[in-house]
Full PDB file with SEQRES, HELIX, SHEET, SSBOND, CRYST1, ORIGX, SCALE, CONECT and MASTER records, all heavy atoms in Angstrom:
SEQRES   1 A   38  VAL VAL SER SER VAL ASP ARG GLY GLY ALA ASP LEU GLU          
SEQRES   2 A   38  PHE GLY GLY GLY ALA VAL ARG PHE THR ALA GLY PHE PRO          
SEQRES   3 A   38  ALA LEU GLY ALA VAL MET HIS LEU THR HIS GLY VAL              
SHEET    1 AA1 2 VAL A   2  SER A   3  0                                        
SHEET    2 AA1 2 HIS A  36  GLY A  37  1                                        
SHEET    1 AA2 2 GLU A  13  PHE A  14  0                                        
SHEET    2 AA2 2 GLY A  17  ALA A  18 -1                                        
CRYST1    1.000    1.000    1.000  90.00  90.00  90.00 P 1           1          
ORIGX1      1.000000  0.000000  0.000000        0.00000                         
ORIGX2      0.000000  1.000000  0.000000        0.00000                         
ORIGX3      0.000000  0.000000  1.000000        0.00000                         
SCALE1      1.000000  0.000000  0.000000        0.00000                         
SCALE2      0.000000  1.000000  0.000000        0.00000                         
SCALE3      0.000000  0.000000  1.000000        0.00000                         
ATOM      1  N   VAL A   1     -35.774  -4.600-149.473  1.00  0.00           N  
ATOM      2  CA  VAL A   1     -34.993  -5.755-149.856  1.00  0.00           C  
ATOM      3  C   VAL A   1     -34.567  -6.505-148.593  1.00  0.00           C  
ATOM      4  O   VAL A   1     -34.207  -5.897-147.579  1.00  0.00           O  
ATOM      5  CB  VAL A   1     -33.720  -5.321-150.644  1.00  0.00           C  
ATOM      6  CG1 VAL A   1     -32.784  -6.518-150.855  1.00  0.00           C  
ATOM      7  CG2 VAL A   1     -34.134  -4.739-152.005  1.00  0.00           C  
ATOM      8  N   VAL A   2     -34.633  -7.838-148.651  1.00  0.00           N  
ATOM      9  CA  VAL A   2     -34.098  -8.676-147.600  1.00  0.00           C  
ATOM     10  C   VAL A   2     -33.195  -9.698-148.237  1.00  0.00           C  
ATOM     11  O   VAL A   2     -33.652 -10.619-148.926  1.00  0.00           O  
ATOM     12  CB  VAL A   2     -35.191  -9.356-146.764  1.00  0.00           C  
ATOM     13  CG1 VAL A   2     -34.571 -10.226-145.667  1.00  0.00           C  
ATOM     14  CG2 VAL A   2     -36.127  -8.324-146.128  1.00  0.00           C  
ATOM     15  N   SER A   3     -31.915  -9.527-148.079  1.00  0.00           N  
ATOM     16  CA  SER A   3     -30.896 -10.423-148.732  1.00  0.00           C  
ATOM     17  C   SER A   3     -30.273 -11.300-147.631  1.00  0.00           C  
ATOM     18  O   SER A   3     -29.707 -10.761-146.685  1.00  0.00           O  
ATOM     19  CB  SER A   3     -29.833  -9.590-149.431  1.00  0.00           C  
ATOM     20  OG  SER A   3     -28.849 -10.436-150.032  1.00  0.00           O  
ATOM     21  N   SER A   4     -30.355 -12.606-147.840  1.00  0.00           N  
ATOM     22  CA  SER A   4     -29.894 -13.545-146.805  1.00  0.00           C  
ATOM     23  C   SER A   4     -28.767 -14.429-147.393  1.00  0.00           C  
ATOM     24  O   SER A   4     -29.002 -15.071-148.408  1.00  0.00           O  
ATOM     25  CB  SER A   4     -31.048 -14.386-146.320  1.00  0.00           C  
ATOM     26  OG  SER A   4     -30.656 -15.273-145.321  1.00  0.00           O  
ATOM     27  N   VAL A   5     -27.604 -14.395-146.757  1.00  0.00           N  
ATOM     28  CA  VAL A   5     -26.465 -15.211-147.234  1.00  0.00           C  
ATOM     29  C   VAL A   5     -25.772 -15.855-146.024  1.00  0.00           C  
ATOM     30  O   VAL A   5     -25.444 -15.148-145.056  1.00  0.00           O  
ATOM     31  CB  VAL A   5     -25.456 -14.337-147.981  1.00  0.00           C  
ATOM     32  CG1 VAL A   5     -24.260 -15.196-148.451  1.00  0.00           C  
ATOM     33  CG2 VAL A   5     -26.084 -13.648-149.194  1.00  0.00           C  
ATOM     34  N   ASP A   6     -25.564 -17.160-146.064  1.00  0.00           N  
ATOM     35  CA  ASP A   6     -24.769 -17.863-145.070  1.00  0.00           C  
ATOM     36  C   ASP A   6     -23.346 -17.827-145.552  1.00  0.00           C  
ATOM     37  O   ASP A   6     -22.990 -18.402-146.596  1.00  0.00           O  
ATOM     38  CB  ASP A   6     -25.270 -19.296-144.877  1.00  0.00           C  
ATOM     39  CG  ASP A   6     -24.570 -20.049-143.769  1.00  0.00           C  
ATOM     40  OD1 ASP A   6     -23.501 -19.529-143.293  1.00  0.00           O  
ATOM     41  OD2 ASP A   6     -25.017 -21.109-143.373  1.00  0.00           O  
ATOM     42  N   ARG A   7     -22.461 -17.164-144.801  1.00  0.00           N  
ATOM     43  CA  ARG A   7     -21.059 -17.017-145.225  1.00  0.00           C  
ATOM     44  C   ARG A   7     -20.132 -18.084-144.638  1.00  0.00           C  
ATOM     45  O   ARG A   7     -18.913 -17.941-144.645  1.00  0.00           O  
ATOM     46  CB  ARG A   7     -20.550 -15.609-144.895  1.00  0.00           C  
ATOM     47  CG  ARG A   7     -21.248 -14.529-145.762  1.00  0.00           C  
ATOM     48  CD  ARG A   7     -20.759 -13.144-145.433  1.00  0.00           C  
ATOM     49  NE  ARG A   7     -21.375 -12.170-146.330  1.00  0.00           N  
ATOM     50  CZ  ARG A   7     -21.408 -10.867-146.104  1.00  0.00           C  
ATOM     51  NH1 ARG A   7     -20.844 -10.367-144.973  1.00  0.00           N  
ATOM     52  NH2 ARG A   7     -21.979 -10.044-146.954  1.00  0.00           N  
ATOM     53  N   GLY A   8     -20.722 -19.170-144.153  1.00  0.00           N  
ATOM     54  CA  GLY A   8     -19.906 -20.320-143.751  1.00  0.00           C  
ATOM     55  C   GLY A   8     -19.487 -20.306-142.289  1.00  0.00           C  
ATOM     56  O   GLY A   8     -20.036 -19.590-141.461  1.00  0.00           O  
ATOM     57  N   GLY A   9     -18.444 -21.087-142.008  1.00  0.00           N  
ATOM     58  CA  GLY A   9     -17.951 -21.234-140.645  1.00  0.00           C  
ATOM     59  C   GLY A   9     -17.131 -20.070-140.162  1.00  0.00           C  
ATOM     60  O   GLY A   9     -16.591 -19.291-140.964  1.00  0.00           O  
ATOM     61  N   ALA A  10     -17.017 -19.950-138.845  1.00  0.00           N  
ATOM     62  CA  ALA A  10     -16.237 -18.880-138.254  1.00  0.00           C  
ATOM     63  C   ALA A  10     -14.782 -19.287-138.098  1.00  0.00           C  
ATOM     64  O   ALA A  10     -14.158 -19.122-137.051  1.00  0.00           O  
ATOM     65  CB  ALA A  10     -16.839 -18.536-136.896  1.00  0.00           C  
ATOM     66  N   ASP A  11     -14.174 -19.775-139.204  1.00  0.00           N  
ATOM     67  CA  ASP A  11     -12.772 -20.210-139.186  1.00  0.00           C  
ATOM     68  C   ASP A  11     -11.883 -19.220-139.947  1.00  0.00           C  
ATOM     69  O   ASP A  11     -10.947 -19.661-140.643  1.00  0.00           O  
ATOM     70  CB  ASP A  11     -12.685 -21.609-139.802  1.00  0.00           C  
ATOM     71  CG  ASP A  11     -13.319 -21.723-141.178  1.00  0.00           C  
ATOM     72  OD1 ASP A  11     -14.053 -20.812-141.565  1.00  0.00           O  
ATOM     73  OD2 ASP A  11     -13.073 -22.720-141.862  1.00  0.00           O  
ATOM     74  N   LEU A  12     -12.178 -17.954-139.825  1.00  0.00           N  
ATOM     75  CA  LEU A  12     -11.401 -16.908-140.501  1.00  0.00           C  
ATOM     76  C   LEU A  12     -10.591 -16.116-139.502  1.00  0.00           C  
ATOM     77  O   LEU A  12     -10.903 -16.060-138.302  1.00  0.00           O  
ATOM     78  CB  LEU A  12     -12.346 -15.971-141.262  1.00  0.00           C  
ATOM     79  CG  LEU A  12     -13.404 -16.598-142.175  1.00  0.00           C  
ATOM     80  CD1 LEU A  12     -14.291 -15.538-142.795  1.00  0.00           C  
ATOM     81  CD2 LEU A  12     -12.715 -17.460-143.233  1.00  0.00           C  
ATOM     82  N   GLU A  13      -9.541 -15.470-140.001  1.00  0.00           N  
ATOM     83  CA  GLU A  13      -8.728 -14.601-139.119  1.00  0.00           C  
ATOM     84  C   GLU A  13      -8.083 -13.495-139.946  1.00  0.00           C  
ATOM     85  O   GLU A  13      -7.905 -13.628-141.157  1.00  0.00           O  
ATOM     86  CB  GLU A  13      -7.674 -15.415-138.376  1.00  0.00           C  
ATOM     87  CG  GLU A  13      -6.622 -16.085-139.252  1.00  0.00           C  
ATOM     88  CD  GLU A  13      -5.410 -15.203-139.557  1.00  0.00           C  
ATOM     89  OE1 GLU A  13      -5.200 -14.239-138.775  1.00  0.00           O  
ATOM     90  OE2 GLU A  13      -4.723 -15.462-140.538  1.00  0.00           O  
ATOM     91  N   PHE A  14      -7.771 -12.418-139.286  1.00  0.00           N  
ATOM     92  CA  PHE A  14      -7.102 -11.259-139.909  1.00  0.00           C  
ATOM     93  C   PHE A  14      -6.237 -10.624-138.879  1.00  0.00           C  
ATOM     94  O   PHE A  14      -6.657 -10.335-137.748  1.00  0.00           O  
ATOM     95  CB  PHE A  14      -8.125 -10.318-140.472  1.00  0.00           C  
ATOM     96  CG  PHE A  14      -7.502  -9.174-141.258  1.00  0.00           C  
ATOM     97  CD1 PHE A  14      -6.417  -9.340-142.089  1.00  0.00           C  
ATOM     98  CD2 PHE A  14      -8.047  -7.881-141.149  1.00  0.00           C  
ATOM     99  CE1 PHE A  14      -5.862  -8.296-142.813  1.00  0.00           C  
ATOM    100  CE2 PHE A  14      -7.507  -6.840-141.861  1.00  0.00           C  
ATOM    101  CZ  PHE A  14      -6.427  -7.029-142.691  1.00  0.00           C  
ATOM    102  N   GLY A  15      -4.967 -10.439-139.241  1.00  0.00           N  
ATOM    103  CA  GLY A  15      -4.040  -9.828-138.279  1.00  0.00           C  
ATOM    104  C   GLY A  15      -3.805 -10.653-137.032  1.00  0.00           C  
ATOM    105  O   GLY A  15      -3.462 -10.138-135.976  1.00  0.00           O  
ATOM    106  N   GLY A  16      -4.020 -11.934-137.163  1.00  0.00           N  
ATOM    107  CA  GLY A  16      -3.853 -12.863-136.034  1.00  0.00           C  
ATOM    108  C   GLY A  16      -5.030 -12.945-135.113  1.00  0.00           C  
ATOM    109  O   GLY A  16      -4.975 -13.695-134.143  1.00  0.00           O  
ATOM    110  N   GLY A  17      -6.128 -12.253-135.392  1.00  0.00           N  
ATOM    111  CA  GLY A  17      -7.308 -12.281-134.577  1.00  0.00           C  
ATOM    112  C   GLY A  17      -8.454 -13.072-135.204  1.00  0.00           C  
ATOM    113  O   GLY A  17      -8.634 -13.006-136.421  1.00  0.00           O  
ATOM    114  N   ALA A  18      -9.152 -13.851-134.405  1.00  0.00           N  
ATOM    115  CA  ALA A  18     -10.249 -14.679-134.911  1.00  0.00           C  
ATOM    116  C   ALA A  18     -11.470 -13.824-135.224  1.00  0.00           C  
ATOM    117  O   ALA A  18     -11.737 -12.804-134.590  1.00  0.00           O  
ATOM    118  CB  ALA A  18     -10.618 -15.750-133.877  1.00  0.00           C  
ATOM    119  N   VAL A  19     -12.244 -14.291-136.202  1.00  0.00           N  
ATOM    120  CA  VAL A  19     -13.429 -13.572-136.603  1.00  0.00           C  
ATOM    121  C   VAL A  19     -14.519 -13.779-135.562  1.00  0.00           C  
ATOM    122  O   VAL A  19     -14.641 -14.821-134.932  1.00  0.00           O  
ATOM    123  CB  VAL A  19     -13.926 -14.047-137.989  1.00  0.00           C  
ATOM    124  CG1 VAL A  19     -14.540 -15.423-137.952  1.00  0.00           C  
ATOM    125  CG2 VAL A  19     -14.881 -13.069-138.630  1.00  0.00           C  
ATOM    126  N   ARG A  20     -15.360 -12.744-135.390  1.00  0.00           N  
ATOM    127  CA  ARG A  20     -16.489 -12.815-134.444  1.00  0.00           C  
ATOM    128  C   ARG A  20     -17.842 -12.817-135.167  1.00  0.00           C  
ATOM    129  O   ARG A  20     -18.745 -13.544-134.793  1.00  0.00           O  
ATOM    130  CB  ARG A  20     -16.442 -11.674-133.472  1.00  0.00           C  
ATOM    131  CG  ARG A  20     -15.218 -11.638-132.571  1.00  0.00           C  
ATOM    132  CD  ARG A  20     -15.155 -12.748-131.566  1.00  0.00           C  
ATOM    133  NE  ARG A  20     -14.013 -12.622-130.667  1.00  0.00           N  
ATOM    134  CZ  ARG A  20     -13.991 -11.905-129.532  1.00  0.00           C  
ATOM    135  NH1 ARG A  20     -15.066 -11.206-129.178  1.00  0.00           N  
ATOM    136  NH2 ARG A  20     -12.884 -11.849-128.794  1.00  0.00           N  
ATOM    137  N   PHE A  21     -18.002 -11.939-136.179  1.00  0.00           N  
ATOM    138  CA  PHE A  21     -19.255 -11.867-136.920  1.00  0.00           C  
ATOM    139  C   PHE A  21     -19.027 -11.194-138.253  1.00  0.00           C  
ATOM    140  O   PHE A  21     -17.973 -10.615-138.502  1.00  0.00           O  
ATOM    141  CB  PHE A  21     -20.374 -11.210-136.104  1.00  0.00           C  
ATOM    142  CG  PHE A  21     -20.108  -9.722-135.735  1.00  0.00           C  
ATOM    143  CD1 PHE A  21     -20.414  -8.717-136.612  1.00  0.00           C  
ATOM    144  CD2 PHE A  21     -19.588  -9.431-134.478  1.00  0.00           C  
ATOM    145  CE1 PHE A  21     -20.187  -7.400-136.269  1.00  0.00           C  
ATOM    146  CE2 PHE A  21     -19.341  -8.098-134.137  1.00  0.00           C  
ATOM    147  CZ  PHE A  21     -19.654  -7.073-135.029  1.00  0.00           C  
ATOM    148  N   THR A  22     -20.035 -11.245-139.084  1.00  0.00           N  
ATOM    149  CA  THR A  22     -20.004 -10.597-140.410  1.00  0.00           C  
ATOM    150  C   THR A  22     -21.344  -9.863-140.631  1.00  0.00           C  
ATOM    151  O   THR A  22     -22.330 -10.129-139.952  1.00  0.00           O  
ATOM    152  CB  THR A  22     -19.765 -11.624-141.516  1.00  0.00           C  
ATOM    153  OG1 THR A  22     -19.589 -10.952-142.775  1.00  0.00           O  
ATOM    154  CG2 THR A  22     -20.947 -12.575-141.682  1.00  0.00           C  
ATOM    155  N   ALA A  23     -21.343  -8.943-141.592  1.00  0.00           N  
ATOM    156  CA  ALA A  23     -22.544  -8.202-141.928  1.00  0.00           C  
ATOM    157  C   ALA A  23     -22.469  -7.757-143.375  1.00  0.00           C  
ATOM    158  O   ALA A  23     -21.376  -7.742-143.981  1.00  0.00           O  
ATOM    159  CB  ALA A  23     -22.711  -6.968-141.008  1.00  0.00           C  
ATOM    160  N   GLY A  24     -23.615  -7.441-143.948  1.00  0.00           N  
ATOM    161  CA  GLY A  24     -23.665  -6.972-145.359  1.00  0.00           C  
ATOM    162  C   GLY A  24     -24.784  -5.937-145.512  1.00  0.00           C  
ATOM    163  O   GLY A  24     -25.741  -5.910-144.702  1.00  0.00           O  
ATOM    164  N   PHE A  25     -24.740  -5.182-146.580  1.00  0.00           N  
ATOM    165  CA  PHE A  25     -25.624  -4.027-146.744  1.00  0.00           C  
ATOM    166  C   PHE A  25     -26.077  -3.933-148.191  1.00  0.00           C  
ATOM    167  O   PHE A  25     -25.439  -3.278-149.025  1.00  0.00           O  
ATOM    168  CB  PHE A  25     -24.938  -2.734-146.315  1.00  0.00           C  
ATOM    169  CG  PHE A  25     -24.130  -2.897-145.050  1.00  0.00           C  
ATOM    170  CD1 PHE A  25     -22.790  -3.190-145.104  1.00  0.00           C  
ATOM    171  CD2 PHE A  25     -24.745  -2.809-143.812  1.00  0.00           C  
ATOM    172  CE1 PHE A  25     -22.041  -3.373-143.921  1.00  0.00           C  
ATOM    173  CE2 PHE A  25     -24.031  -2.979-142.629  1.00  0.00           C  
ATOM    174  CZ  PHE A  25     -22.660  -3.231-142.688  1.00  0.00           C  
ATOM    175  N   PRO A  26     -27.203  -4.563-148.580  1.00  0.00           N  
ATOM    176  CA  PRO A  26     -27.678  -4.473-149.946  1.00  0.00           C  
ATOM    177  C   PRO A  26     -27.845  -3.019-150.391  1.00  0.00           C  
ATOM    178  O   PRO A  26     -28.232  -2.160-149.572  1.00  0.00           O  
ATOM    179  CB  PRO A  26     -29.059  -5.170-149.888  1.00  0.00           C  
ATOM    180  CG  PRO A  26     -28.954  -6.119-148.746  1.00  0.00           C  
ATOM    181  CD  PRO A  26     -28.092  -5.427-147.738  1.00  0.00           C  
ATOM    182  N   ALA A  27     -27.512  -2.730-151.644  1.00  0.00           N  
ATOM    183  CA  ALA A  27     -27.428  -1.329-152.103  1.00  0.00           C  
ATOM    184  C   ALA A  27     -28.795  -0.684-152.137  1.00  0.00           C  
ATOM    185  O   ALA A  27     -29.844  -1.332-152.329  1.00  0.00           O  
ATOM    186  CB  ALA A  27     -26.792  -1.316-153.499  1.00  0.00           C  
ATOM    187  N   LEU A  28     -28.790   0.642-151.998  1.00  0.00           N  
ATOM    188  CA  LEU A  28     -29.999   1.445-152.194  1.00  0.00           C  
ATOM    189  C   LEU A  28     -30.015   1.904-153.660  1.00  0.00           C  
ATOM    190  O   LEU A  28     -29.009   1.888-154.371  1.00  0.00           O  
ATOM    191  CB  LEU A  28     -29.970   2.657-151.285  1.00  0.00           C  
ATOM    192  CG  LEU A  28     -29.858   2.411-149.780  1.00  0.00           C  
ATOM    193  CD1 LEU A  28     -29.927   3.727-149.026  1.00  0.00           C  
ATOM    194  CD2 LEU A  28     -30.923   1.442-149.288  1.00  0.00           C  
ATOM    195  N   GLY A  29     -31.170   2.372-154.088  1.00  0.00           N  
ATOM    196  CA  GLY A  29     -31.327   2.925-155.423  1.00  0.00           C  
ATOM    197  C   GLY A  29     -32.476   3.870-155.488  1.00  0.00           C  
ATOM    198  O   GLY A  29     -33.046   4.242-154.443  1.00  0.00           O  
ATOM    199  N   ALA A  30     -32.851   4.319-156.692  1.00  0.00           N  
ATOM    200  CA  ALA A  30     -33.946   5.257-156.822  1.00  0.00           C  
ATOM    201  C   ALA A  30     -35.280   4.688-156.356  1.00  0.00           C  
ATOM    202  O   ALA A  30     -36.164   5.427-155.966  1.00  0.00           O  
ATOM    203  CB  ALA A  30     -34.037   5.696-158.261  1.00  0.00           C  
ATOM    204  N   VAL A  31     -35.423   3.368-156.402  1.00  0.00           N  
ATOM    205  CA  VAL A  31     -36.682   2.738-155.997  1.00  0.00           C  
ATOM    206  C   VAL A  31     -36.587   2.157-154.593  1.00  0.00           C  
ATOM    207  O   VAL A  31     -37.518   2.243-153.814  1.00  0.00           O  
ATOM    208  CB  VAL A  31     -37.099   1.634-156.997  1.00  0.00           C  
ATOM    209  CG1 VAL A  31     -38.314   0.896-156.544  1.00  0.00           C  
ATOM    210  CG2 VAL A  31     -37.365   2.274-158.360  1.00  0.00           C  
ATOM    211  N   MET A  32     -35.453   1.542-154.240  1.00  0.00           N  
ATOM    212  CA  MET A  32     -35.276   0.929-152.947  1.00  0.00           C  
ATOM    213  C   MET A  32     -34.491   1.876-152.024  1.00  0.00           C  
ATOM    214  O   MET A  32     -33.327   2.140-152.241  1.00  0.00           O  
ATOM    215  CB  MET A  32     -34.557  -0.388-153.082  1.00  0.00           C  
ATOM    216  CG  MET A  32     -35.359  -1.487-153.775  1.00  0.00           C  
ATOM    217  SD  MET A  32     -36.834  -1.944-152.778  1.00  0.00           S  
ATOM    218  CE  MET A  32     -37.501  -3.193-153.864  1.00  0.00           C  
ATOM    219  N   HIS A  33     -35.153   2.361-150.983  1.00  0.00           N  
ATOM    220  CA  HIS A  33     -34.499   3.278-150.031  1.00  0.00           C  
ATOM    221  C   HIS A  33     -34.321   2.664-148.655  1.00  0.00           C  
ATOM    222  O   HIS A  33     -33.872   3.339-147.730  1.00  0.00           O  
ATOM    223  CB  HIS A  33     -35.319   4.569-149.928  1.00  0.00           C  
ATOM    224  CG  HIS A  33     -35.255   5.411-151.163  1.00  0.00           C  
ATOM    225  ND1 HIS A  33     -34.608   6.627-151.237  1.00  0.00           N  
ATOM    226  CD2 HIS A  33     -35.721   5.176-152.434  1.00  0.00           C  
ATOM    227  CE1 HIS A  33     -34.727   7.122-152.442  1.00  0.00           C  
ATOM    228  NE2 HIS A  33     -35.398   6.258-153.194  1.00  0.00           N  
ATOM    229  N   LEU A  34     -34.693   1.405-148.504  1.00  0.00           N  
ATOM    230  CA  LEU A  34     -34.486   0.662-147.272  1.00  0.00           C  
ATOM    231  C   LEU A  34     -34.205  -0.779-147.620  1.00  0.00           C  
ATOM    232  O   LEU A  34     -35.031  -1.424-148.306  1.00  0.00           O  
ATOM    233  CB  LEU A  34     -35.736   0.758-146.355  1.00  0.00           C  
ATOM    234  CG  LEU A  34     -35.697  -0.126-145.093  1.00  0.00           C  
ATOM    235  CD1 LEU A  34     -34.610   0.298-144.143  1.00  0.00           C  
ATOM    236  CD2 LEU A  34     -37.062  -0.130-144.410  1.00  0.00           C  
ATOM    237  N   THR A  35     -33.060  -1.274-147.187  1.00  0.00           N  
ATOM    238  CA  THR A  35     -32.727  -2.670-147.423  1.00  0.00           C  
ATOM    239  C   THR A  35     -32.251  -3.347-146.143  1.00  0.00           C  
ATOM    240  O   THR A  35     -31.853  -2.663-145.183  1.00  0.00           O  
ATOM    241  CB  THR A  35     -31.621  -2.850-148.511  1.00  0.00           C  
ATOM    242  OG1 THR A  35     -30.375  -2.281-148.015  1.00  0.00           O  
ATOM    243  CG2 THR A  35     -32.006  -2.118-149.800  1.00  0.00           C  
ATOM    244  N   HIS A  36     -32.301  -4.662-146.146  1.00  0.00           N  
ATOM    245  CA  HIS A  36     -31.896  -5.445-144.968  1.00  0.00           C  
ATOM    246  C   HIS A  36     -30.926  -6.564-145.415  1.00  0.00           C  
ATOM    247  O   HIS A  36     -31.101  -7.159-146.453  1.00  0.00           O  
ATOM    248  CB  HIS A  36     -33.083  -6.124-144.284  1.00  0.00           C  
ATOM    249  CG  HIS A  36     -34.170  -5.164-143.876  1.00  0.00           C  
ATOM    250  ND1 HIS A  36     -35.081  -4.632-144.772  1.00  0.00           N  
ATOM    251  CD2 HIS A  36     -34.493  -4.653-142.657  1.00  0.00           C  
ATOM    252  CE1 HIS A  36     -35.890  -3.844-144.138  1.00  0.00           C  
ATOM    253  NE2 HIS A  36     -35.583  -3.811-142.873  1.00  0.00           N  
ATOM    254  N   GLY A  37     -29.916  -6.813-144.588  1.00  0.00           N  
ATOM    255  CA  GLY A  37     -29.021  -7.941-144.816  1.00  0.00           C  
ATOM    256  C   GLY A  37     -29.169  -8.925-143.666  1.00  0.00           C  
ATOM    257  O   GLY A  37     -29.321  -8.522-142.515  1.00  0.00           O  
ATOM    258  N   VAL A  38     -29.160 -10.212-143.992  1.00  0.00           N  
ATOM    259  CA  VAL A  38     -29.202 -11.289-143.007  1.00  0.00           C  
ATOM    260  C   VAL A  38     -28.003 -12.196-143.310  1.00  0.00           C  
ATOM    261  O   VAL A  38     -28.023 -12.942-144.287  1.00  0.00           O  
ATOM    262  CB  VAL A  38     -30.510 -12.076-143.046  1.00  0.00           C  
ATOM    263  CG1 VAL A  38     -30.524 -13.138-141.975  1.00  0.00           C  
ATOM    264  CG2 VAL A  38     -31.718 -11.152-142.929  1.00  0.00           C  
TER     265      VAL A  38                                                      
MASTER        0    0    0    0    4    0    0    6  264    1    0    3          
END                                                                             
């Protein structure tokens, strides 16, 4: 699996700190044992 999502601008913060990057992990299953997130 290759799942690609643009999550928008880097205008987020948590605990007073600015965001640097994001990541995601498409689920595995009985048929898919290797997935990729973009």
